Amino acid sequence: MSSLPLFAKSTVESHSTEKSVWVTLYNRKVYDVTSFLEEHPAGPELIMDYAGKDITEILASPDSHIHSESAYEMLDDDMLVGYLATPEEEEELLTKHKDIKLKPEYDSDGLRVADLTSFGDIPDDLLHLKTDHSDDYKKHKFLDLDKPLIMQVLRANWTRDFYIDQIHRPRHYGKGSAQLFGNFLEPLSLTPWWVVPSVWLPLDFYILYIGASHLHPVVTLLFWCLGLFVWTLIEYCMHRFLFHLDDNLPENNIAFTLHFLMHGVHHYLPMDRLRLVMPPTLFIVLAFPFYKLIFGIFPFYLACAGWAGGFLGYIMYDCTHYFLHHKNLPSYVQKLKKYHLEHHYKNYRLGFGVTSMFWDRVFHTYLHEEDVYEKKN
């Protein structure tokens, strides 16, 4: 049991700068979201618009993004700092210096609310609330974010259904990046987004130069465009059939661990800045079969042109993926950002396109606003 303060409305409203941002939910719960400013999928600007204010309507607004149960859990688990005093409670505080003790109750929708239970004297004009505030590990019995994750996955005794359900309940670590290996392998799992274009663009341009220097410009352009187009299909298929193996994932810890390394950790911690793009080592492993196939089918210089187009598609995909999570984007790509975030927070079984929605429409996996996947309690 923990004791949380009951704040006056003026106190909440005063926390409206980038150094300290508080918001309320249901005009009752008070959250300190300062640490989440740079992690917010829609950018810090949107949070600042609601600094010191209530966010109940915007969280449920289809025009913004209907937030999932996991988003509400994230707020309660990581950012709850107290409760907003009602006018009557504020009056009690100022006139009688009473301590209003509250106990958690639940309404018909299963949302935690607080009911007045007793009074008592306290110093410093503070009101306190008694409430349960267990951490994520105790609540879900899944992963302890304070320990290296991979060994926990390897040693766990989960069913496939439990594992798949849990990784698709997004968490916000809030302290940088959670430990994946906890040893010398850790740096290999952390990749800033700019590493992808810095490392791969020069190589991509060199491969294109080799092909273009031995081919007619029209042929070069044709195969380059073909490679770029084929990449969009590869992107969709890998995301849908490999990264989201889900119900077809073998039910053993080795399979869970490989899946967690490839994509599970991203859905589990979707706002981790250093695990949003593919580490170069993993890219080499996944790209090698495609490299052998393309250069085995086509003459060398044609293969260079086609590979350069597909390679650029991958680079654009990884950069786009990072921007969709962490940048406030222009209006013409805002729909794509919303679409991808709904794949994470609303329905992971639909919406596999990242750089476009084209193949989702072709293969009938387009994620509509009403397509909410109901998770088990």
Protein backbone atom coordinates (compact mmCIF):
# COMPACT_ATOMS: atom_id res chain seq x y z
CA MET A 1 0.00 0.00 0.00
CA SER A 2 1.35 3.44 -0.87
CA SER A 3 0.27 6.91 0.14
CA LEU A 4 -0.34 9.39 -2.68
CA PRO A 5 -1.12 13.09 -2.20
CA LEU A 6 -4.37 14.75 -3.14
CA PHE A 7 -3.47 17.91 -5.12
CA ALA A 8 -5.33 21.18 -5.53
CA LYS A 9 -6.31 22.06 -9.10
CA SER A 10 -4.05 25.12 -9.04
CA THR A 11 -1.09 22.90 -8.16
CA VAL A 12 -1.71 20.64 -11.16
CA GLU A 13 -2.13 23.64 -13.46
CA SER A 14 1.20 25.06 -12.29
CA HIS A 15 3.02 22.01 -13.68
CA SER A 16 2.79 23.09 -17.30
CA THR A 17 6.37 23.61 -18.44
CA GLU A 18 8.73 21.20 -20.19
CA LYS A 19 10.63 20.81 -16.91
CA SER A 20 7.53 19.49 -15.14
CA VAL A 21 4.39 18.35 -16.96
CA TRP A 22 1.36 17.04 -15.08
CA VAL A 23 -1.98 15.98 -16.52
CA THR A 24 -5.17 14.51 -15.08
CA LEU A 25 -7.42 11.64 -16.16
CA TYR A 26 -11.15 11.54 -15.37
CA ASN A 27 -10.46 14.86 -13.56
CA ARG A 28 -9.20 12.68 -10.71
CA LYS A 29 -5.91 10.87 -11.28
CA VAL A 30 -2.80 13.07 -11.54
CA TYR A 31 0.14 11.93 -13.67
CA ASP A 32 3.66 13.32 -14.02
CA VAL A 33 4.39 12.74 -17.72
CA THR A 34 7.61 14.78 -17.89
CA SER A 35 9.79 11.74 -18.58
CA PHE A 36 7.43 10.68 -21.37
CA LEU A 37 7.69 13.92 -23.38
CA GLU A 38 10.32 12.66 -25.81
CA GLU A 39 8.89 9.13 -25.83
CA HIS A 40 5.36 10.11 -26.82
CA PRO A 41 4.51 8.64 -30.24
CA ALA A 42 2.86 11.86 -31.44
CA GLY A 43 5.70 14.05 -30.19
CA PRO A 44 6.09 16.24 -27.09
CA GLU A 45 4.08 19.11 -28.62
CA LEU A 46 0.76 17.29 -28.18
CA ILE A 47 1.47 16.60 -24.50
CA MET A 48 2.44 20.23 -23.93
CA ASP A 49 -0.92 21.30 -25.38
CA TYR A 50 -2.55 19.50 -22.44
CA ALA A 51 0.00 20.34 -19.73
CA GLY A 52 -1.84 21.01 -16.47
CA LYS A 53 -5.13 19.91 -18.02
CA ASP A 54 -7.37 16.83 -18.24
CA ILE A 55 -6.64 14.30 -21.00
CA THR A 56 -9.71 12.06 -20.72
CA GLU A 57 -11.30 13.20 -23.99
CA ILE A 58 -8.13 13.29 -26.10
CA LEU A 59 -7.17 9.74 -25.03
CA ALA A 60 -10.53 8.46 -26.30
CA SER A 61 -10.78 10.70 -29.37
CA PRO A 62 -10.84 8.92 -32.77
CA ASP A 63 -9.46 12.09 -34.36
CA SER A 64 -6.26 11.64 -32.39
CA HIS A 65 -5.91 7.95 -31.55
CA ILE A 66 -8.13 5.75 -29.39
CA HIS A 67 -5.67 4.59 -26.75
CA SER A 68 -5.60 0.97 -25.69
CA GLU A 69 -5.91 -0.57 -22.25
CA SER A 70 -2.11 -0.82 -22.20
CA ALA A 71 -1.76 2.95 -22.48
CA TYR A 72 -3.90 3.42 -19.38
CA GLU A 73 -1.95 0.72 -17.55
CA MET A 74 1.30 2.46 -18.47
CA LEU A 75 0.06 5.69 -16.90
CA ASP A 76 -1.03 3.98 -13.68
CA ASP A 77 2.09 1.84 -13.36
CA ASP A 78 4.73 4.46 -14.16
CA MET A 79 3.40 7.99 -13.79
CA LEU A 80 0.63 8.20 -11.18
CA VAL A 81 1.68 10.76 -8.54
CA GLY A 82 -1.60 11.55 -6.80
CA TYR A 83 -5.21 12.56 -7.15
CA LEU A 84 -6.99 15.80 -7.97
CA ALA A 85 -8.96 17.16 -5.06
CA THR A 86 -12.60 17.93 -5.65
CA PRO A 87 -13.76 21.45 -4.74
CA GLU A 88 -15.28 20.03 -1.57
CA GLU A 89 -12.02 18.30 -0.62
CA GLU A 90 -10.05 21.47 -1.32
CA GLU A 91 -12.38 23.35 0.99
CA GLU A 92 -11.83 20.75 3.70
CA LEU A 93 -8.10 21.12 3.23
CA LEU A 94 -8.08 24.90 3.49
CA THR A 95 -10.59 25.32 6.28
CA LYS A 96 -10.32 22.29 8.54
CA HIS A 97 -6.85 20.85 7.70
CA LYS A 98 -8.31 17.37 7.52
CA ASP A 99 -6.75 14.27 5.98
CA ILE A 100 -9.22 12.63 3.63
CA LYS A 101 -8.27 8.98 3.34
CA LEU A 102 -9.53 7.12 0.32
CA LYS A 103 -9.65 3.50 -0.66
CA PRO A 104 -9.66 2.17 -4.24
CA GLU A 105 -12.95 0.96 -5.65
CA TYR A 106 -13.92 -0.10 -9.17
CA ASP A 107 -16.74 1.19 -11.35
CA SER A 108 -18.87 -0.83 -13.76
CA ASP A 109 -16.20 -0.55 -16.48
CA GLY A 110 -13.47 -1.88 -14.23
CA LEU A 111 -11.80 1.53 -13.88
CA ARG A 112 -10.33 2.38 -10.51
CA VAL A 113 -12.14 5.18 -8.73
CA ALA A 114 -11.82 6.52 -5.18
CA ASP A 115 -14.53 6.82 -2.54
CA LEU A 116 -14.36 8.91 0.60
CA THR A 117 -13.98 6.69 3.68
CA SER A 118 -12.63 8.62 6.68
CA PHE A 119 -11.04 11.77 8.03
CA GLY A 120 -8.03 12.43 10.23
CA ASP A 121 -5.65 15.23 11.19
CA ILE A 122 -2.41 15.72 9.21
CA PRO A 123 0.31 18.38 9.10
CA ASP A 124 1.32 20.65 6.18
CA ASP A 125 -2.15 20.88 4.68
CA LEU A 126 -1.68 17.62 2.77
CA LEU A 127 -4.39 15.15 1.79
CA HIS A 128 -3.35 11.57 1.15
CA LEU A 129 -4.84 8.65 -0.67
CA LYS A 130 -4.33 5.00 0.22
CA THR A 131 -4.20 2.80 -2.88
CA ASP A 132 -2.64 -0.37 -4.32
CA HIS A 133 0.24 0.35 -6.72
CA SER A 134 1.91 -2.95 -7.63
CA ASP A 135 4.49 -3.00 -10.37
CA ASP A 136 4.11 -4.61 -13.77
CA TYR A 137 5.98 -7.79 -12.89
CA LYS A 138 3.84 -8.54 -9.87
CA LYS A 139 0.69 -7.82 -11.83
CA HIS A 140 1.40 -9.81 -15.00
CA LYS A 141 4.07 -12.34 -13.91
CA PHE A 142 5.85 -11.79 -17.21
CA LEU A 143 9.22 -9.98 -17.32
CA ASP A 144 11.07 -8.05 -14.64
CA LEU A 145 12.25 -4.90 -16.43
CA ASP A 146 15.00 -4.40 -13.86
CA LYS A 147 16.77 -7.59 -14.95
CA PRO A 148 18.19 -8.73 -18.32
CA LEU A 149 15.24 -9.82 -20.44
CA ILE A 150 16.64 -12.57 -22.67
CA MET A 151 17.58 -14.96 -19.85
CA GLN A 152 14.13 -14.51 -18.38
CA VAL A 153 12.55 -15.49 -21.71
CA LEU A 154 14.88 -18.49 -22.03
CA ARG A 155 14.11 -19.77 -18.55
CA ALA A 156 10.41 -18.99 -18.40
CA ASN A 157 7.58 -21.49 -18.25
CA TRP A 158 4.95 -19.78 -20.41
CA THR A 159 2.40 -20.95 -22.89
CA ARG A 160 2.53 -19.45 -26.37
CA ASP A 161 -0.79 -17.68 -25.83
CA PHE A 162 0.48 -16.04 -22.66
CA TYR A 163 3.74 -14.93 -24.30
CA ILE A 164 1.99 -13.48 -27.37
CA ASP A 165 -0.59 -11.70 -25.23
CA GLN A 166 2.02 -10.14 -22.97
CA ILE A 167 4.42 -8.82 -25.61
CA HIS A 168 1.49 -7.05 -27.23
CA ARG A 169 0.67 -5.15 -24.05
CA PRO A 170 3.07 -2.24 -24.57
CA ARG A 171 5.19 -1.03 -21.67
CA HIS A 172 7.13 2.19 -21.26
CA TYR A 173 10.48 1.59 -19.61
CA GLY A 174 11.04 5.26 -18.89
CA LYS A 175 14.78 5.05 -18.12
CA GLY A 176 16.34 4.71 -21.55
CA SER A 177 16.64 1.10 -22.69
CA ALA A 178 15.90 -2.01 -20.68
CA GLN A 179 18.71 -4.55 -20.49
CA LEU A 180 18.36 -7.24 -23.11
CA PHE A 181 21.51 -9.29 -22.44
CA GLY A 182 23.09 -7.53 -19.47
CA ASN A 183 26.61 -8.34 -20.71
CA PHE A 184 29.09 -7.56 -23.51
CA LEU A 185 26.40 -8.31 -26.12
CA GLU A 186 24.25 -5.39 -24.96
CA PRO A 187 25.79 -2.77 -27.33
CA LEU A 188 24.96 -4.98 -30.32
CA SER A 189 21.26 -4.69 -29.49
CA LEU A 190 21.25 -0.87 -29.30
CA THR A 191 21.15 1.04 -32.57
CA PRO A 192 20.55 4.80 -32.96
CA TRP A 193 18.41 5.47 -36.02
CA TRP A 194 21.13 7.48 -37.80
CA VAL A 195 23.42 4.42 -37.88
CA VAL A 196 21.25 2.86 -40.61
CA PRO A 197 21.65 5.61 -43.26
CA SER A 198 25.23 6.34 -42.18
CA VAL A 199 26.40 2.75 -42.57
CA TRP A 200 24.26 1.53 -45.46
CA LEU A 201 23.69 4.50 -47.79
CA PRO A 202 27.34 4.71 -48.98
CA LEU A 203 27.33 0.97 -49.68
CA ASP A 204 23.98 1.21 -51.46
CA PHE A 205 25.18 4.07 -53.68
CA TYR A 206 28.36 2.14 -54.49
CA ILE A 207 26.40 -0.94 -55.56
CA LEU A 208 24.15 1.26 -57.71
CA TYR A 209 27.23 2.88 -59.27
CA ILE A 210 28.66 -0.55 -60.20
CA GLY A 211 25.43 -1.52 -61.93
CA ALA A 212 24.85 1.86 -63.59
CA SER A 213 28.38 2.03 -64.99
CA HIS A 214 27.77 -1.17 -67.01
CA LEU A 215 24.10 -0.76 -67.95
CA HIS A 216 22.03 1.57 -70.09
CA PRO A 217 20.48 4.30 -67.87
CA VAL A 218 16.95 3.15 -68.75
CA VAL A 219 17.75 -0.45 -67.80
CA THR A 220 19.38 0.73 -64.58
CA LEU A 221 16.35 2.81 -63.65
CA LEU A 222 13.94 -0.01 -64.54
CA PHE A 223 15.68 -2.58 -62.33
CA TRP A 224 16.25 -0.05 -59.57
CA CYS A 225 12.51 0.74 -59.48
CA LEU A 226 11.70 -2.97 -59.64
CA GLY A 227 13.94 -3.62 -56.65
CA LEU A 228 12.33 -0.78 -54.69
CA PHE A 229 8.83 -2.09 -55.50
CA VAL A 230 9.73 -5.67 -54.57
CA TRP A 231 11.09 -4.41 -51.27
CA THR A 232 7.68 -3.03 -50.29
CA LEU A 233 6.25 -6.53 -50.68
CA ILE A 234 9.16 -8.06 -48.74
CA GLU A 235 8.62 -5.50 -45.97
CA TYR A 236 4.95 -6.47 -45.70
CA CYS A 237 5.56 -10.23 -45.85
CA MET A 238 8.39 -10.23 -43.31
CA HIS A 239 6.39 -8.10 -40.90
CA ARG A 240 3.27 -10.20 -41.25
CA PHE A 241 4.58 -13.75 -41.63
CA LEU A 242 7.95 -13.70 -39.83
CA PHE A 243 7.83 -10.96 -37.20
CA HIS A 244 4.18 -11.74 -36.42
CA LEU A 245 4.35 -15.50 -36.49
CA ASP A 246 2.26 -15.29 -33.31
CA ASP A 247 -0.30 -18.15 -33.39
CA ASN A 248 2.10 -20.30 -35.46
CA LEU A 249 5.10 -19.74 -33.20
CA PRO A 250 6.48 -23.05 -31.90
CA GLU A 251 5.63 -23.44 -28.23
CA ASN A 252 9.10 -23.54 -26.71
CA ASN A 253 11.49 -21.10 -25.11
CA ILE A 254 14.01 -21.10 -27.97
CA ALA A 255 11.30 -19.98 -30.38
CA PHE A 256 10.06 -17.37 -27.90
CA THR A 257 13.60 -16.03 -27.49
CA LEU A 258 14.28 -15.75 -31.23
CA HIS A 259 10.93 -14.09 -31.75
CA PHE A 260 11.56 -11.71 -28.85
CA LEU A 261 14.94 -10.70 -30.32
CA MET A 262 13.52 -10.11 -33.81
CA HIS A 263 10.32 -8.26 -33.02
CA GLY A 264 8.80 -9.16 -29.67
CA VAL A 265 10.93 -6.70 -27.72
CA HIS A 266 9.80 -3.91 -30.05
CA HIS A 267 6.12 -4.58 -29.36
CA TYR A 268 6.84 -5.02 -25.66
CA LEU A 269 8.78 -1.72 -25.48
CA PRO A 270 7.62 0.13 -28.62
CA MET A 271 9.05 3.53 -27.65
CA ASP A 272 12.62 2.38 -26.97
CA ARG A 273 14.61 4.75 -29.19
CA LEU A 274 17.57 2.39 -29.52
CA ARG A 275 15.55 -0.67 -30.55
CA LEU A 276 13.46 0.83 -33.32
CA VAL A 277 15.79 0.13 -36.24
CA MET A 278 17.47 -3.12 -37.16
CA PRO A 279 21.00 -3.65 -35.78
CA PRO A 280 23.48 -4.10 -38.67
CA THR A 281 24.32 -7.63 -37.50
CA LEU A 282 20.67 -8.73 -37.64
CA PHE A 283 20.21 -7.04 -41.02
CA ILE A 284 23.15 -8.98 -42.49
CA VAL A 285 21.66 -12.28 -41.27
CA LEU A 286 18.19 -11.54 -42.67
CA ALA A 287 19.43 -9.97 -45.92
CA PHE A 288 21.89 -12.73 -46.88
CA PRO A 289 19.29 -15.19 -48.29
CA PHE A 290 17.80 -12.41 -50.45
CA TYR A 291 21.27 -11.44 -51.64
CA LYS A 292 22.07 -15.02 -52.70
CA LEU A 293 18.69 -15.34 -54.44
CA ILE A 294 18.88 -12.10 -56.42
CA PHE A 295 22.50 -12.47 -57.49
CA GLY A 296 21.83 -16.12 -58.32
CA ILE A 297 18.87 -15.33 -60.62
CA PHE A 298 19.99 -12.19 -62.47
CA PRO A 299 23.22 -11.29 -64.26
CA PHE A 300 25.59 -9.47 -61.92
CA TYR A 301 25.07 -5.86 -63.07
CA LEU A 302 21.29 -6.20 -63.34
CA ALA A 303 21.32 -7.69 -59.85
CA CYS A 304 23.35 -4.69 -58.61
CA ALA A 305 20.76 -2.25 -59.93
CA GLY A 306 17.85 -4.21 -58.50
CA TRP A 307 19.58 -4.78 -55.16
CA ALA A 308 20.36 -1.07 -54.86
CA GLY A 309 16.67 -0.23 -55.24
CA GLY A 310 15.57 -2.79 -52.68
CA PHE A 311 18.40 -1.83 -50.33
CA LEU A 312 17.33 1.81 -50.44
CA GLY A 313 13.77 0.66 -49.70
CA TYR A 314 15.01 -1.03 -46.53
CA ILE A 315 16.95 2.07 -45.44
CA MET A 316 13.86 4.24 -45.99
CA TYR A 317 11.75 1.70 -44.09
CA ASP A 318 13.95 1.73 -40.98
CA CYS A 319 14.22 5.54 -40.91
CA THR A 320 10.47 5.88 -41.51
CA HIS A 321 9.78 3.43 -38.71
CA TYR A 322 11.80 5.52 -36.26
CA PHE A 323 10.13 8.77 -37.35
CA LEU A 324 6.65 7.24 -37.02
CA HIS A 325 7.39 6.52 -33.37
CA HIS A 326 9.33 9.61 -32.36
CA LYS A 327 8.81 12.58 -34.67
CA ASN A 328 5.99 15.07 -35.11
CA LEU A 329 5.41 14.56 -38.82
CA PRO A 330 3.83 16.73 -41.53
CA SER A 331 0.11 16.33 -42.08
CA TYR A 332 0.49 14.27 -45.27
CA VAL A 333 2.24 11.46 -43.37
CA GLN A 334 0.40 11.90 -40.07
CA LYS A 335 -2.18 9.33 -41.19
CA LEU A 336 0.60 6.77 -41.71
CA LYS A 337 1.96 7.53 -38.22
CA LYS A 338 -1.46 7.05 -36.66
CA TYR A 339 -1.95 3.85 -38.67
CA HIS A 340 1.31 2.32 -37.45
CA LEU A 341 0.76 3.29 -33.83
CA GLU A 342 -2.67 1.69 -33.94
CA HIS A 343 -0.93 -1.51 -35.06
CA HIS A 344 0.99 -1.33 -31.77
CA TYR A 345 -1.67 -0.05 -29.42
CA LYS A 346 -4.97 -1.15 -30.95
CA ASN A 347 -4.66 -4.32 -33.07
CA TYR A 348 -1.34 -6.06 -33.76
CA ARG A 349 -3.07 -8.61 -36.02
CA LEU A 350 -3.70 -5.99 -38.71
CA GLY A 351 -1.84 -3.03 -40.21
CA PHE A 352 1.48 -4.60 -41.23
CA GLY A 353 2.51 -1.89 -43.67
CA VAL A 354 5.05 0.58 -42.29
CA THR A 355 6.08 2.73 -45.25
CA SER A 356 2.69 2.38 -46.93
CA MET A 357 -0.75 0.81 -46.53
CA PHE A 358 -0.81 -0.55 -50.10
CA TRP A 359 -0.22 -4.24 -49.42
CA ASP A 360 -2.58 -4.20 -46.42
CA ARG A 361 -5.34 -3.18 -48.81
CA VAL A 362 -4.30 -5.81 -51.37
CA PHE A 363 -4.24 -8.66 -48.83
CA HIS A 364 -7.20 -7.46 -46.72
CA THR A 365 -5.25 -6.72 -43.56
CA TYR A 366 -6.02 -3.00 -43.53
CA LEU A 367 -6.51 -1.68 -40.00
CA HIS A 368 -9.69 0.38 -39.69
CA GLU A 369 -10.48 2.57 -36.70
CA GLU A 370 -13.10 0.14 -35.43
CA ASP A 371 -10.74 -2.89 -35.60
CA VAL A 372 -9.82 -3.11 -31.93
CA TYR A 373 -8.33 -6.42 -30.78
CA GLU A 374 -9.77 -7.41 -27.43
CA LYS A 375 -7.09 -8.73 -25.10
CA LYS A 376 -7.85 -11.27 -22.40
CA ASN A 377 -8.08 -10.02 -18.84
